[in-house]
Amino acid sequence: MYSYVGSVARPGSRCRASALGEGAWGFGVRRISIGSGFSRAAITAFLHAAREVIDHGIFAFTEETLYMSEIAALFDSKGLG
């Protein structure tokens, strides 16, 4: 880990957060910016689900999705709805 962190030469240098792992905090890492990570994860999940339907004609991805009522409750509980 020290060699990896040491290879990031200056503040503001970028690397994948997954490369640092949970142990990063013990090495003095103060902040990890995920940047576009959430949007990339959402688009990836969308493409996997679409590919499942197109290639296999199944909808197994729906077993892991939230109901619309659950999504609405998330927004309501934060005052966004």
Protein backbone atom coordinates (compact mmCIF):
# COMPACT_ATOMS: atom_id res chain seq x y z
CA MET A 1 0.00 0.00 0.00
CA TYR A 2 2.79 2.44 0.83
CA SER A 3 4.30 1.98 -2.61
CA TYR A 4 0.96 2.63 -4.25
CA VAL A 5 0.18 5.73 -2.22
CA GLY A 6 3.75 6.94 -2.69
CA SER A 7 3.38 6.60 -6.44
CA VAL A 8 0.63 9.21 -6.41
CA ALA A 9 3.08 12.04 -6.65
CA ARG A 10 1.04 15.08 -5.76
CA PRO A 11 -2.20 16.16 -4.10
CA GLY A 12 -5.06 15.98 -6.53
CA SER A 13 -3.63 13.01 -8.39
CA ARG A 14 -6.27 10.52 -9.43
CA CYS A 15 -6.63 6.79 -9.06
CA ARG A 16 -9.54 4.39 -8.69
CA ALA A 17 -10.92 4.37 -5.14
CA SER A 18 -11.29 0.59 -5.39
CA ALA A 19 -7.51 0.34 -5.82
CA LEU A 20 -7.01 1.90 -2.38
CA GLY A 21 -9.47 -0.28 -0.51
CA GLU A 22 -10.71 0.12 3.05
CA GLY A 23 -7.22 0.22 4.50
CA ALA A 24 -6.53 3.58 2.87
CA TRP A 25 -7.70 5.52 5.92
CA GLY A 26 -4.91 4.02 8.00
CA PHE A 27 -2.36 5.42 5.55
CA GLY A 28 -3.45 9.01 5.95
CA VAL A 29 -5.97 9.20 3.15
CA ARG A 30 -8.37 11.93 4.17
CA ARG A 31 -10.84 11.95 1.34
CA ILE A 32 -11.77 9.79 -1.61
CA SER A 33 -13.79 11.47 -4.34
CA ILE A 34 -15.96 9.09 -6.29
CA GLY A 35 -16.50 11.63 -9.06
CA SER A 36 -18.78 10.07 -11.64
CA GLY A 37 -18.77 6.69 -9.86
CA PHE A 38 -22.48 6.62 -9.01
CA SER A 39 -23.60 7.56 -12.51
CA ARG A 40 -21.22 5.02 -14.07
CA ALA A 41 -22.56 2.34 -11.71
CA ALA A 42 -26.16 3.20 -12.66
CA ILE A 43 -25.43 3.12 -16.39
CA THR A 44 -23.54 -0.16 -16.01
CA ALA A 45 -26.49 -1.73 -14.14
CA PHE A 46 -28.87 -0.48 -16.83
CA LEU A 47 -26.76 -1.99 -19.60
CA HIS A 48 -26.44 -5.33 -17.77
CA ALA A 49 -30.23 -5.47 -17.34
CA ALA A 50 -30.86 -4.54 -20.97
CA ARG A 51 -28.34 -7.13 -22.16
CA GLU A 52 -30.03 -9.79 -20.01
CA VAL A 53 -33.39 -9.09 -21.65
CA ILE A 54 -31.99 -8.85 -25.19
CA ASP A 55 -29.65 -11.85 -25.01
CA HIS A 56 -31.59 -14.20 -22.75
CA GLY A 57 -35.19 -12.95 -22.73
CA ILE A 58 -35.30 -13.00 -18.93
CA PHE A 59 -35.94 -10.35 -16.30
CA ALA A 60 -33.95 -11.70 -13.35
CA PHE A 61 -32.53 -8.21 -12.68
CA THR A 62 -35.92 -7.23 -11.24
CA GLU A 63 -35.27 -9.48 -8.24
CA GLU A 64 -32.71 -6.93 -7.01
CA THR A 65 -34.57 -3.71 -7.76
CA LEU A 66 -36.48 -1.47 -5.38
CA TYR A 67 -40.23 -1.04 -5.69
CA MET A 68 -41.33 2.42 -6.80
CA SER A 69 -42.96 2.93 -3.38
CA GLU A 70 -39.56 2.33 -1.74
CA ILE A 71 -37.89 4.84 -4.06
CA ALA A 72 -40.63 7.41 -3.37
CA ALA A 73 -40.18 6.88 0.38
CA LEU A 74 -36.47 7.64 0.07
CA PHE A 75 -37.24 11.01 -1.45
CA ASP A 76 -40.07 11.75 0.99
CA SER A 77 -37.92 10.99 4.05
CA LYS A 78 -35.31 13.53 2.91
CA GLY A 79 -37.83 16.23 2.08
CA LEU A 80 -37.20 15.95 -1.66
CA GLY A 81 -40.58 14.55 -2.61
